Amino acid sequence: FSPCLASATSPQSRLRCSLGQQPLDHCYNTFAPHFSIHWC
């Protein structure tokens, strides 16, 4: 896995998701505008 994907599933990102916030900045979102990814 790339570092940006690993940061999206890190404990800090999971904590932010449990609080209703977006995860940490992982990388540039290359999915928009065709795909809307739920990173949490």
Full PDB file with SEQRES, HELIX, SHEET, SSBOND, CRYST1, ORIGX, SCALE, CONECT and MASTER records, all heavy atoms in Angstrom:
SEQRES   1 A   40  PHE SER PRO CYS LEU ALA SER ALA THR SER PRO GLN SER          
SEQRES   2 A   40  ARG LEU ARG CYS SER LEU GLY GLN GLN PRO LEU ASP HIS          
SEQRES   3 A   40  CYS TYR ASN THR PHE ALA PRO HIS PHE SER ILE HIS TRP          
SEQRES   4 A   40  CYS                                                          
HELIX    1 AA1 PRO A    3  ALA A    8  1                                   6    
HELIX    2 AA2 PRO A   11  SER A   18  1                                   8    
SSBOND   1 CYS A   17    CYS A   40                          1555   1555  2.23  
CRYST1    1.000    1.000    1.000  90.00  90.00  90.00 P 1           1          
ORIGX1      1.000000  0.000000  0.000000        0.00000                         
ORIGX2      0.000000  1.000000  0.000000        0.00000                         
ORIGX3      0.000000  0.000000  1.000000        0.00000                         
SCALE1      1.000000  0.000000  0.000000        0.00000                         
SCALE2      0.000000  1.000000  0.000000        0.00000                         
SCALE3      0.000000  0.000000  1.000000        0.00000                         
ATOM      1  N   PHE A   1       0.836  -1.189   0.000  1.00  0.00           N  
ATOM      2  CA  PHE A   1       0.000   0.000   0.000  1.00  0.00           C  
ATOM      3  C   PHE A   1       0.876   1.247   0.000  1.00  0.00           C  
ATOM      4  O   PHE A   1       1.972   1.270   0.567  1.00  0.00           O  
ATOM      5  CB  PHE A   1      -0.924   0.012   1.221  1.00  0.00           C  
ATOM      6  CG  PHE A   1      -1.806  -1.195   1.336  1.00  0.00           C  
ATOM      7  CD1 PHE A   1      -1.637  -2.092   2.374  1.00  0.00           C  
ATOM      8  CD2 PHE A   1      -2.789  -1.434   0.403  1.00  0.00           C  
ATOM      9  CE1 PHE A   1      -2.449  -3.208   2.485  1.00  0.00           C  
ATOM     10  CE2 PHE A   1      -3.599  -2.548   0.497  1.00  0.00           C  
ATOM     11  CZ  PHE A   1      -3.424  -3.441   1.540  1.00  0.00           C  
ATOM     12  N   SER A   2       0.364   2.284  -0.619  1.00  0.00           N  
ATOM     13  CA  SER A   2       1.078   3.551  -0.650  1.00  0.00           C  
ATOM     14  C   SER A   2       0.947   4.257   0.701  1.00  0.00           C  
ATOM     15  O   SER A   2       0.045   3.950   1.489  1.00  0.00           O  
ATOM     16  CB  SER A   2       0.515   4.436  -1.759  1.00  0.00           C  
ATOM     17  OG  SER A   2      -0.853   4.727  -1.504  1.00  0.00           O  
ATOM     18  N   PRO A   3       1.838   5.190   1.015  1.00  0.00           N  
ATOM     19  CA  PRO A   3       1.719   5.910   2.291  1.00  0.00           C  
ATOM     20  C   PRO A   3       0.407   6.664   2.443  1.00  0.00           C  
ATOM     21  O   PRO A   3      -0.120   6.794   3.553  1.00  0.00           O  
ATOM     22  CB  PRO A   3       2.918   6.862   2.271  1.00  0.00           C  
ATOM     23  CG  PRO A   3       3.899   6.207   1.347  1.00  0.00           C  
ATOM     24  CD  PRO A   3       3.068   5.527   0.300  1.00  0.00           C  
ATOM     25  N   CYS A   4      -0.163   7.158   1.337  1.00  0.00           N  
ATOM     26  CA  CYS A   4      -1.411   7.909   1.453  1.00  0.00           C  
ATOM     27  C   CYS A   4      -2.566   6.984   1.836  1.00  0.00           C  
ATOM     28  O   CYS A   4      -3.420   7.362   2.642  1.00  0.00           O  
ATOM     29  CB  CYS A   4      -1.708   8.630   0.147  1.00  0.00           C  
ATOM     30  SG  CYS A   4      -1.827   7.560  -1.290  1.00  0.00           S  
ATOM     31  N   LEU A   5      -2.589   5.762   1.303  1.00  0.00           N  
ATOM     32  CA  LEU A   5      -3.630   4.815   1.698  1.00  0.00           C  
ATOM     33  C   LEU A   5      -3.441   4.375   3.145  1.00  0.00           C  
ATOM     34  O   LEU A   5      -4.414   4.223   3.893  1.00  0.00           O  
ATOM     35  CB  LEU A   5      -3.614   3.599   0.774  1.00  0.00           C  
ATOM     36  CG  LEU A   5      -4.162   3.786  -0.634  1.00  0.00           C  
ATOM     37  CD1 LEU A   5      -4.084   2.476  -1.412  1.00  0.00           C  
ATOM     38  CD2 LEU A   5      -5.600   4.285  -0.606  1.00  0.00           C  
ATOM     39  N   ALA A   6      -2.185   4.166   3.549  1.00  0.00           N  
ATOM     40  CA  ALA A   6      -1.934   3.767   4.934  1.00  0.00           C  
ATOM     41  C   ALA A   6      -2.354   4.856   5.906  1.00  0.00           C  
ATOM     42  O   ALA A   6      -2.863   4.575   6.993  1.00  0.00           O  
ATOM     43  CB  ALA A   6      -0.458   3.420   5.106  1.00  0.00           C  
ATOM     44  N   SER A   7      -2.172   6.129   5.540  1.00  0.00           N  
ATOM     45  CA  SER A   7      -2.573   7.215   6.431  1.00  0.00           C  
ATOM     46  C   SER A   7      -4.078   7.316   6.557  1.00  0.00           C  
ATOM     47  O   SER A   7      -4.598   7.741   7.595  1.00  0.00           O  
ATOM     48  CB  SER A   7      -2.005   8.540   5.920  1.00  0.00           C  
ATOM     49  OG  SER A   7      -2.564   8.876   4.654  1.00  0.00           O  
ATOM     50  N   ALA A   8      -4.818   6.901   5.503  1.00  0.00           N  
ATOM     51  CA  ALA A   8      -6.275   6.968   5.567  1.00  0.00           C  
ATOM     52  C   ALA A   8      -6.854   5.945   6.529  1.00  0.00           C  
ATOM     53  O   ALA A   8      -7.992   6.108   6.986  1.00  0.00           O  
ATOM     54  CB  ALA A   8      -6.872   6.773   4.175  1.00  0.00           C  
ATOM     55  N   THR A   9      -6.112   4.882   6.826  1.00  0.00           N  
ATOM     56  CA  THR A   9      -6.582   3.861   7.765  1.00  0.00           C  
ATOM     57  C   THR A   9      -5.792   3.865   9.071  1.00  0.00           C  
ATOM     58  O   THR A   9      -5.847   2.892   9.817  1.00  0.00           O  
ATOM     59  CB  THR A   9      -6.494   2.475   7.121  1.00  0.00           C  
ATOM     60  OG1 THR A   9      -5.141   2.218   6.709  1.00  0.00           O  
ATOM     61  CG2 THR A   9      -7.409   2.367   5.912  1.00  0.00           C  
ATOM     62  N   SER A  10      -5.055   4.915   9.345  1.00  0.00           N  
ATOM     63  CA  SER A  10      -4.275   5.007  10.578  1.00  0.00           C  
ATOM     64  C   SER A  10      -5.202   5.207  11.773  1.00  0.00           C  
ATOM     65  O   SER A  10      -6.371   5.595  11.617  1.00  0.00           O  
ATOM     66  CB  SER A  10      -3.283   6.163  10.478  1.00  0.00           C  
ATOM     67  OG  SER A  10      -3.972   7.399  10.317  1.00  0.00           O  
ATOM     68  N   PRO A  11      -4.726   4.941  12.989  1.00  0.00           N  
ATOM     69  CA  PRO A  11      -5.574   5.168  14.170  1.00  0.00           C  
ATOM     70  C   PRO A  11      -6.047   6.611  14.301  1.00  0.00           C  
ATOM     71  O   PRO A  11      -7.170   6.861  14.760  1.00  0.00           O  
ATOM     72  CB  PRO A  11      -4.666   4.753  15.335  1.00  0.00           C  
ATOM     73  CG  PRO A  11      -3.686   3.792  14.732  1.00  0.00           C  
ATOM     74  CD  PRO A  11      -3.461   4.277  13.346  1.00  0.00           C  
ATOM     75  N   GLN A  12      -5.213   7.579  13.897  1.00  0.00           N  
ATOM     76  CA  GLN A  12      -5.650   8.970  13.970  1.00  0.00           C  
ATOM     77  C   GLN A  12      -6.819   9.232  13.020  1.00  0.00           C  
ATOM     78  O   GLN A  12      -7.781   9.932  13.371  1.00  0.00           O  
ATOM     79  CB  GLN A  12      -4.485   9.904  13.630  1.00  0.00           C  
ATOM     80  CG  GLN A  12      -3.333   9.861  14.611  1.00  0.00           C  
ATOM     81  CD  GLN A  12      -2.404   8.687  14.395  1.00  0.00           C  
ATOM     82  OE1 GLN A  12      -2.590   7.925  13.432  1.00  0.00           O  
ATOM     83  NE2 GLN A  12      -1.404   8.535  15.255  1.00  0.00           N  
ATOM     84  N   SER A  13      -6.762   8.629  11.826  1.00  0.00           N  
ATOM     85  CA  SER A  13      -7.861   8.806  10.884  1.00  0.00           C  
ATOM     86  C   SER A  13      -9.122   8.105  11.375  1.00  0.00           C  
ATOM     87  O   SER A  13     -10.228   8.633  11.226  1.00  0.00           O  
ATOM     88  CB  SER A  13      -7.457   8.278   9.501  1.00  0.00           C  
ATOM     89  OG  SER A  13      -6.369   9.005   8.969  1.00  0.00           O  
ATOM     90  N   ARG A  14      -8.983   6.920  11.960  1.00  0.00           N  
ATOM     91  CA  ARG A  14     -10.152   6.217  12.494  1.00  0.00           C  
ATOM     92  C   ARG A  14     -10.787   7.010  13.629  1.00  0.00           C  
ATOM     93  O   ARG A  14     -12.008   7.033  13.788  1.00  0.00           O  
ATOM     94  CB  ARG A  14      -9.747   4.826  12.984  1.00  0.00           C  
ATOM     95  CG  ARG A  14      -9.270   3.880  11.882  1.00  0.00           C  
ATOM     96  CD  ARG A  14     -10.276   3.745  10.791  1.00  0.00           C  
ATOM     97  NE  ARG A  14      -9.876   2.751   9.799  1.00  0.00           N  
ATOM     98  CZ  ARG A  14     -10.490   2.582   8.627  1.00  0.00           C  
ATOM     99  NH1 ARG A  14     -11.498   3.370   8.287  1.00  0.00           N  
ATOM    100  NH2 ARG A  14     -10.063   1.651   7.775  1.00  0.00           N  
ATOM    101  N   LEU A  15      -9.959   7.676  14.438  1.00  0.00           N  
ATOM    102  CA  LEU A  15     -10.503   8.505  15.523  1.00  0.00           C  
ATOM    103  C   LEU A  15     -11.277   9.685  14.961  1.00  0.00           C  
ATOM    104  O   LEU A  15     -12.369  10.017  15.457  1.00  0.00           O  
ATOM    105  CB  LEU A  15      -9.366   8.979  16.420  1.00  0.00           C  
ATOM    106  CG  LEU A  15      -9.762   9.898  17.586  1.00  0.00           C  
ATOM    107  CD1 LEU A  15     -10.746   9.206  18.504  1.00  0.00           C  
ATOM    108  CD2 LEU A  15      -8.530  10.357  18.342  1.00  0.00           C  
ATOM    109  N   ARG A  16     -10.757  10.321  13.938  1.00  0.00           N  
ATOM    110  CA  ARG A  16     -11.468  11.435  13.310  1.00  0.00           C  
ATOM    111  C   ARG A  16     -12.777  10.965  12.684  1.00  0.00           C  
ATOM    112  O   ARG A  16     -13.790  11.679  12.752  1.00  0.00           O  
ATOM    113  CB  ARG A  16     -10.577  12.096  12.262  1.00  0.00           C  
ATOM    114  CG  ARG A  16      -9.355  12.814  12.839  1.00  0.00           C  
ATOM    115  CD  ARG A  16      -8.437  13.298  11.715  1.00  0.00           C  
ATOM    116  NE  ARG A  16      -9.114  14.216  10.831  1.00  0.00           N  
ATOM    117  CZ  ARG A  16      -9.138  15.531  10.999  1.00  0.00           C  
ATOM    118  NH1 ARG A  16      -8.483  16.073  12.025  1.00  0.00           N  
ATOM    119  NH2 ARG A  16      -9.768  16.321  10.140  1.00  0.00           N  
ATOM    120  N   CYS A  17     -12.765   9.772  12.082  1.00  0.00           N  
ATOM    121  CA  CYS A  17     -13.995   9.257  11.487  1.00  0.00           C  
ATOM    122  C   CYS A  17     -15.041   8.955  12.559  1.00  0.00           C  
ATOM    123  O   CYS A  17     -16.241   9.171  12.348  1.00  0.00           O  
ATOM    124  CB  CYS A  17     -13.690   8.000  10.669  1.00  0.00           C  
ATOM    125  SG  CYS A  17     -12.769   8.312   9.132  1.00  0.00           S  
ATOM    126  N   SER A  18     -14.603   8.441  13.710  1.00  0.00           N  
ATOM    127  CA  SER A  18     -15.560   8.163  14.783  1.00  0.00           C  
ATOM    128  C   SER A  18     -16.173   9.434  15.338  1.00  0.00           C  
ATOM    129  O   SER A  18     -17.284   9.408  15.885  1.00  0.00           O  
ATOM    130  CB  SER A  18     -14.863   7.390  15.901  1.00  0.00           C  
ATOM    131  OG  SER A  18     -13.824   8.164  16.490  1.00  0.00           O  
ATOM    132  N   LEU A  19     -15.471  10.569  15.208  1.00  0.00           N  
ATOM    133  CA  LEU A  19     -15.999  11.858  15.646  1.00  0.00           C  
ATOM    134  C   LEU A  19     -16.802  12.558  14.561  1.00  0.00           C  
ATOM    135  O   LEU A  19     -17.224  13.701  14.763  1.00  0.00           O  
ATOM    136  CB  LEU A  19     -14.842  12.763  16.099  1.00  0.00           C  
ATOM    137  CG  LEU A  19     -14.010  12.251  17.291  1.00  0.00           C  
ATOM    138  CD1 LEU A  19     -12.864  13.191  17.578  1.00  0.00           C  
ATOM    139  CD2 LEU A  19     -14.890  12.063  18.514  1.00  0.00           C  
ATOM    140  N   GLY A  20     -16.997  11.904  13.423  1.00  0.00           N  
ATOM    141  CA  GLY A  20     -17.762  12.500  12.336  1.00  0.00           C  
ATOM    142  C   GLY A  20     -16.958  13.434  11.463  1.00  0.00           C  
ATOM    143  O   GLY A  20     -17.549  14.220  10.708  1.00  0.00           O  
ATOM    144  N   GLN A  21     -15.630  13.364  11.522  1.00  0.00           N  
ATOM    145  CA  GLN A  21     -14.774  14.221  10.722  1.00  0.00           C  
ATOM    146  C   GLN A  21     -14.145  13.419   9.593  1.00  0.00           C  
ATOM    147  O   GLN A  21     -14.190  12.196   9.566  1.00  0.00           O  
ATOM    148  CB  GLN A  21     -13.682  14.850  11.600  1.00  0.00           C  
ATOM    149  CG  GLN A  21     -14.206  15.615  12.801  1.00  0.00           C  
ATOM    150  CD  GLN A  21     -13.089  16.085  13.704  1.00  0.00           C  
ATOM    151  OE1 GLN A  21     -11.911  15.897  13.405  1.00  0.00           O  
ATOM    152  NE2 GLN A  21     -13.451  16.711  14.824  1.00  0.00           N  
ATOM    153  N   GLN A  22     -13.561  14.137   8.660  1.00  0.00           N  
ATOM    154  CA  GLN A  22     -12.867  13.485   7.559  1.00  0.00           C  
ATOM    155  C   GLN A  22     -11.511  12.976   8.037  1.00  0.00           C  
ATOM    156  O   GLN A  22     -10.903  13.543   8.943  1.00  0.00           O  
ATOM    157  CB  GLN A  22     -12.675  14.459   6.396  1.00  0.00           C  
ATOM    158  CG  GLN A  22     -13.956  14.805   5.670  1.00  0.00           C  
ATOM    159  CD  GLN A  22     -14.560  13.595   4.972  1.00  0.00           C  
ATOM    160  OE1 GLN A  22     -13.855  12.726   4.474  1.00  0.00           O  
ATOM    161  NE2 GLN A  22     -15.878  13.548   4.934  1.00  0.00           N  
ATOM    162  N   PRO A  23     -11.019  11.890   7.437  1.00  0.00           N  
ATOM    163  CA  PRO A  23      -9.698  11.369   7.849  1.00  0.00           C  
ATOM    164  C   PRO A  23      -8.592  12.335   7.475  1.00  0.00           C  
ATOM    165  O   PRO A  23      -8.818  13.372   6.848  1.00  0.00           O  
ATOM    166  CB  PRO A  23      -9.596  10.039   7.094  1.00  0.00           C  
ATOM    167  CG  PRO A  23     -10.520  10.190   5.932  1.00  0.00           C  
ATOM    168  CD  PRO A  23     -11.642  11.064   6.406  1.00  0.00           C  
ATOM    169  N   LEU A  24      -7.387  11.978   7.869  1.00  0.00           N  
ATOM    170  CA  LEU A  24      -6.236  12.819   7.587  1.00  0.00           C  
ATOM    171  C   LEU A  24      -6.001  12.951   6.085  1.00  0.00           C  
ATOM    172  O   LEU A  24      -6.424  12.104   5.299  1.00  0.00           O  
ATOM    173  CB  LEU A  24      -4.994  12.241   8.270  1.00  0.00           C  
ATOM    174  CG  LEU A  24      -5.037  12.140   9.799  1.00  0.00           C  
ATOM    175  CD1 LEU A  24      -3.789  11.434  10.310  1.00  0.00           C  
ATOM    176  CD2 LEU A  24      -5.150  13.524  10.421  1.00  0.00           C  
ATOM    177  N   ASP A  25      -5.336  14.021   5.707  1.00  0.00           N  
ATOM    178  CA  ASP A  25      -5.021  14.221   4.293  1.00  0.00           C  
ATOM    179  C   ASP A  25      -4.101  13.101   3.839  1.00  0.00           C  
ATOM    180  O   ASP A  25      -2.961  12.989   4.281  1.00  0.00           O  
ATOM    181  CB  ASP A  25      -4.365  15.590   4.100  1.00  0.00           C  
ATOM    182  CG  ASP A  25      -5.321  16.726   4.434  1.00  0.00           C  
ATOM    183  OD1 ASP A  25      -6.541  16.513   4.319  1.00  0.00           O  
ATOM    184  OD2 ASP A  25      -4.837  17.800   4.804  1.00  0.00           O  
ATOM    185  N   HIS A  26      -4.617  12.272   2.956  1.00  0.00           N  
ATOM    186  CA  HIS A  26      -3.856  11.113   2.515  1.00  0.00           C  
ATOM    187  C   HIS A  26      -3.144  11.365   1.193  1.00  0.00           C  
ATOM    188  O   HIS A  26      -1.983  11.071   1.034  1.00  0.00           O  
ATOM    189  CB  HIS A  26      -4.775   9.890   2.410  1.00  0.00           C  
ATOM    190  CG  HIS A  26      -6.118  10.217   1.857  1.00  0.00           C  
ATOM    191  ND1 HIS A  26      -6.358  10.312   0.532  1.00  0.00           N  
ATOM    192  CD2 HIS A  26      -7.299  10.499   2.476  1.00  0.00           C  
ATOM    193  CE1 HIS A  26      -7.642  10.622   0.326  1.00  0.00           C  
ATOM    194  NE2 HIS A  26      -8.230  10.739   1.480  1.00  0.00           N  
ATOM    195  N   CYS A  27      -3.836  11.892   0.243  1.00  0.00           N  
ATOM    196  CA  CYS A  27      -3.225  12.179  -1.047  1.00  0.00           C  
ATOM    197  C   CYS A  27      -4.248  12.901  -1.904  1.00  0.00           C  
ATOM    198  O   CYS A  27      -5.383  13.122  -1.491  1.00  0.00           O  
ATOM    199  CB  CYS A  27      -2.743  10.905  -1.753  1.00  0.00           C  
ATOM    200  SG  CYS A  27      -4.012   9.642  -1.853  1.00  0.00           S  
ATOM    201  N   TYR A  28      -3.838  13.247  -3.093  1.00  0.00           N  
ATOM    202  CA  TYR A  28      -4.737  13.940  -4.011  1.00  0.00           C  
ATOM    203  C   TYR A  28      -5.827  12.977  -4.475  1.00  0.00           C  
ATOM    204  O   TYR A  28      -5.556  11.838  -4.866  1.00  0.00           O  
ATOM    205  CB  TYR A  28      -3.956  14.480  -5.210  1.00  0.00           C  
ATOM    206  CG  TYR A  28      -4.823  15.168  -6.233  1.00  0.00           C  
ATOM    207  CD1 TYR A  28      -5.388  16.408  -5.953  1.00  0.00           C  
ATOM    208  CD2 TYR A  28      -5.071  14.577  -7.457  1.00  0.00           C  
ATOM    209  CE1 TYR A  28      -6.196  17.044  -6.883  1.00  0.00           C  
ATOM    210  CE2 TYR A  28      -5.871  15.203  -8.396  1.00  0.00           C  
ATOM    211  CZ  TYR A  28      -6.430  16.443  -8.104  1.00  0.00           C  
ATOM    212  OH  TYR A  28      -7.234  17.055  -9.031  1.00  0.00           O  
ATOM    213  N   ASN A  29      -7.065  13.429  -4.418  1.00  0.00           N  
ATOM    214  CA  ASN A  29      -8.205  12.581  -4.777  1.00  0.00           C  
ATOM    215  C   ASN A  29      -8.294  12.500  -6.293  1.00  0.00           C  
ATOM    216  O   ASN A  29      -8.709  13.455  -6.966  1.00  0.00           O  
ATOM    217  CB  ASN A  29      -9.494  13.154  -4.170  1.00  0.00           C  
ATOM    218  CG  ASN A  29     -10.674  12.202  -4.347  1.00  0.00           C  
ATOM    219  OD1 ASN A  29     -10.548  11.132  -4.926  1.00  0.00           O  
ATOM    220  ND2 ASN A  29     -11.820  12.602  -3.854  1.00  0.00           N  
ATOM    221  N   THR A  30      -7.889  11.360  -6.822  1.00  0.00           N  
ATOM    222  CA  THR A  30      -7.932  11.160  -8.273  1.00  0.00           C  
ATOM    223  C   THR A  30      -9.246  10.546  -8.737  1.00  0.00           C  
ATOM    224  O   THR A  30      -9.380  10.239  -9.920  1.00  0.00           O  
ATOM    225  CB  THR A  30      -6.779  10.236  -8.695  1.00  0.00           C  
ATOM    226  OG1 THR A  30      -6.917   8.973  -8.036  1.00  0.00           O  
ATOM    227  CG2 THR A  30      -5.439  10.858  -8.323  1.00  0.00           C  
ATOM    228  N   PHE A  31     -10.196  10.350  -7.843  1.00  0.00           N  
ATOM    229  CA  PHE A  31     -11.463   9.713  -8.204  1.00  0.00           C  
ATOM    230  C   PHE A  31     -12.497  10.720  -8.705  1.00  0.00           C  
ATOM    231  O   PHE A  31     -13.403  10.352  -9.453  1.00  0.00           O  
ATOM    232  CB  PHE A  31     -12.036   8.952  -7.014  1.00  0.00           C  
ATOM    233  CG  PHE A  31     -11.187   7.808  -6.551  1.00  0.00           C  
ATOM    234  CD1 PHE A  31     -10.212   7.986  -5.593  1.00  0.00           C  
ATOM    235  CD2 PHE A  31     -11.357   6.541  -7.096  1.00  0.00           C  
ATOM    236  CE1 PHE A  31      -9.426   6.936  -5.158  1.00  0.00           C  
ATOM    237  CE2 PHE A  31     -10.575   5.486  -6.674  1.00  0.00           C  
ATOM    238  CZ  PHE A  31      -9.602   5.689  -5.707  1.00  0.00           C  
ATOM    239  N   ALA A  32     -12.407  11.953  -8.220  1.00  0.00           N  
ATOM    240  CA  ALA A  32     -13.384  12.964  -8.612  1.00  0.00           C  
ATOM    241  C   ALA A  32     -13.193  13.323 -10.088  1.00  0.00           C  
ATOM    242  O   ALA A  32     -12.077  13.291 -10.622  1.00  0.00           O  
ATOM    243  CB  ALA A  32     -13.221  14.201  -7.732  1.00  0.00           C  
ATOM    244  N   PRO A  33     -14.288  13.657 -10.792  1.00  0.00           N  
ATOM    245  CA  PRO A  33     -15.671  13.731 -10.312  1.00  0.00           C  
ATOM    246  C   PRO A  33     -16.498  12.473 -10.595  1.00  0.00           C  
ATOM    247  O   PRO A  33     -17.690  12.477 -10.381  1.00  0.00           O  
ATOM    248  CB  PRO A  33     -16.208  14.909 -11.104  1.00  0.00           C  
ATOM    249  CG  PRO A  33     -15.513  14.770 -12.447  1.00  0.00           C  
ATOM    250  CD  PRO A  33     -14.141  14.210 -12.153  1.00  0.00           C  
ATOM    251  N   HIS A  34     -15.857  11.435 -11.110  1.00  0.00           N  
ATOM    252  CA  HIS A  34     -16.625  10.257 -11.533  1.00  0.00           C  
ATOM    253  C   HIS A  34     -17.018   9.379 -10.343  1.00  0.00           C  
ATOM    254  O   HIS A  34     -18.100   8.778 -10.342  1.00  0.00           O  
ATOM    255  CB  HIS A  34     -15.803   9.444 -12.539  1.00  0.00           C  
ATOM    256  CG  HIS A  34     -15.383  10.224 -13.740  1.00  0.00           C  
ATOM    257  ND1 HIS A  34     -16.255  10.591 -14.741  1.00  0.00           N  
ATOM    258  CD2 HIS A  34     -14.161  10.732 -14.106  1.00  0.00           C  
ATOM    259  CE1 HIS A  34     -15.609  11.273 -15.676  1.00  0.00           C  
ATOM    260  NE2 HIS A  34     -14.333  11.380 -15.305  1.00  0.00           N  
ATOM    261  N   PHE A  35     -16.161   9.286  -9.353  1.00  0.00           N  
ATOM    262  CA  PHE A  35     -16.408   8.388  -8.233  1.00  0.00           C  
ATOM    263  C   PHE A  35     -16.265   9.165  -6.923  1.00  0.00           C  
ATOM    264  O   PHE A  35     -15.276   9.887  -6.730  1.00  0.00           O  
ATOM    265  CB  PHE A  35     -15.431   7.201  -8.229  1.00  0.00           C  
ATOM    266  CG  PHE A  35     -15.393   6.446  -9.524  1.00  0.00           C  
ATOM    267  CD1 PHE A  35     -14.377   6.677 -10.444  1.00  0.00           C  
ATOM    268  CD2 PHE A  35     -16.377   5.522  -9.835  1.00  0.00           C  
ATOM    269  CE1 PHE A  35     -14.329   5.988 -11.640  1.00  0.00           C  
ATOM    270  CE2 PHE A  35     -16.336   4.830 -11.040  1.00  0.00           C  
ATOM    271  CZ  PHE A  35     -15.319   5.064 -11.943  1.00  0.00           C  
ATOM    272  N   SER A  36     -17.243   8.983  -6.067  1.00  0.00           N  
ATOM    273  CA  SER A  36     -17.221   9.601  -4.742  1.00  0.00           C  
ATOM    274  C   SER A  36     -16.866   8.519  -3.718  1.00  0.00           C  
ATOM    275  O   SER A  36     -17.671   7.629  -3.442  1.00  0.00           O  
ATOM    276  CB  SER A  36     -18.586  10.228  -4.416  1.00  0.00           C  
ATOM    277  OG  SER A  36     -18.602  10.744  -3.097  1.00  0.00           O  
ATOM    278  N   ILE A  37     -15.656   8.602  -3.175  1.00  0.00           N  
ATOM    279  CA  ILE A  37     -15.149   7.588  -2.256  1.00  0.00           C  
ATOM    280  C   ILE A  37     -15.423   8.016  -0.820  1.00  0.00           C  
ATOM    281  O   ILE A  37     -15.153   9.163  -0.433  1.00  0.00           O  
ATOM    282  CB  ILE A  37     -13.639   7.366  -2.459  1.00  0.00           C  
ATOM    283  CG1 ILE A  37     -13.352   6.983  -3.923  1.00  0.00           C  
ATOM    284  CG2 ILE A  37     -13.128   6.281  -1.527  1.00  0.00           C  
ATOM    285  CD1 ILE A  37     -14.021   5.708  -4.369  1.00  0.00           C  
ATOM    286  N   HIS A  38     -15.983   7.100  -0.040  1.00  0.00           N  
ATOM    287  CA  HIS A  38     -16.150   7.317   1.396  1.00  0.00           C  
ATOM    288  C   HIS A  38     -14.877   6.803   2.087  1.00  0.00           C  
ATOM    289  O   HIS A  38     -14.726   5.605   2.336  1.00  0.00           O  
ATOM    290  CB  HIS A  38     -17.390   6.582   1.908  1.00  0.00           C  
ATOM    291  CG  HIS A  38     -18.665   7.109   1.341  1.00  0.00           C  
ATOM    292  ND1 HIS A  38     -19.907   6.655   1.729  1.00  0.00           N  
ATOM    293  CD2 HIS A  38     -18.914   8.078   0.411  1.00  0.00           C  
ATOM    294  CE1 HIS A  38     -20.853   7.300   1.065  1.00  0.00           C  
ATOM    295  NE2 HIS A  38     -20.267   8.167   0.254  1.00  0.00           N  
ATOM    296  N   TRP A  39     -13.992   7.713   2.397  1.00  0.00           N  
ATOM    297  CA  TRP A  39     -12.683   7.318   2.902  1.00  0.00           C  
ATOM    298  C   TRP A  39     -12.759   6.729   4.304  1.00  0.00           C  
ATOM    299  O   TRP A  39     -11.862   5.979   4.708  1.00  0.00           O  
ATOM    300  CB  TRP A  39     -11.735   8.525   2.888  1.00  0.00           C  
ATOM    301  CG  TRP A  39     -11.388   8.952   1.497  1.00  0.00           C  
ATOM    302  CD1 TRP A  39     -11.874  10.010   0.815  1.00  0.00           C  
ATOM    303  CD2 TRP A  39     -10.482   8.287   0.606  1.00  0.00           C  
ATOM    304  NE1 TRP A  39     -11.324  10.072  -0.448  1.00  0.00           N  
ATOM    305  CE2 TRP A  39     -10.460   9.026  -0.598  1.00  0.00           C  
ATOM    306  CE3 TRP A  39      -9.683   7.158   0.718  1.00  0.00           C  
ATOM    307  CZ2 TRP A  39      -9.678   8.661  -1.682  1.00  0.00           C  
ATOM    308  CZ3 TRP A  39      -8.894   6.793  -0.366  1.00  0.00           C  
ATOM    309  CH2 TRP A  39      -8.892   7.535  -1.540  1.00  0.00           C  
ATOM    310  N   CYS A  40     -13.785   7.056   5.063  1.00  0.00           N  
ATOM    311  CA  CYS A  40     -13.921   6.459   6.392  1.00  0.00           C  
ATOM    312  C   CYS A  40     -14.275   4.976   6.324  1.00  0.00           C  
ATOM    313  O   CYS A  40     -14.154   4.271   7.326  1.00  0.00           O  
ATOM    314  CB  CYS A  40     -14.978   7.214   7.204  1.00  0.00           C  
ATOM    315  SG  CYS A  40     -14.432   8.861   7.747  1.00  0.00           S  
TER     316      CYS A  40                                                      
CONECT  125  315                                                                
CONECT  315  125                                                                
MASTER        0    0    0    2    0    0    0    6  315    1    2    4          
END                                                                             
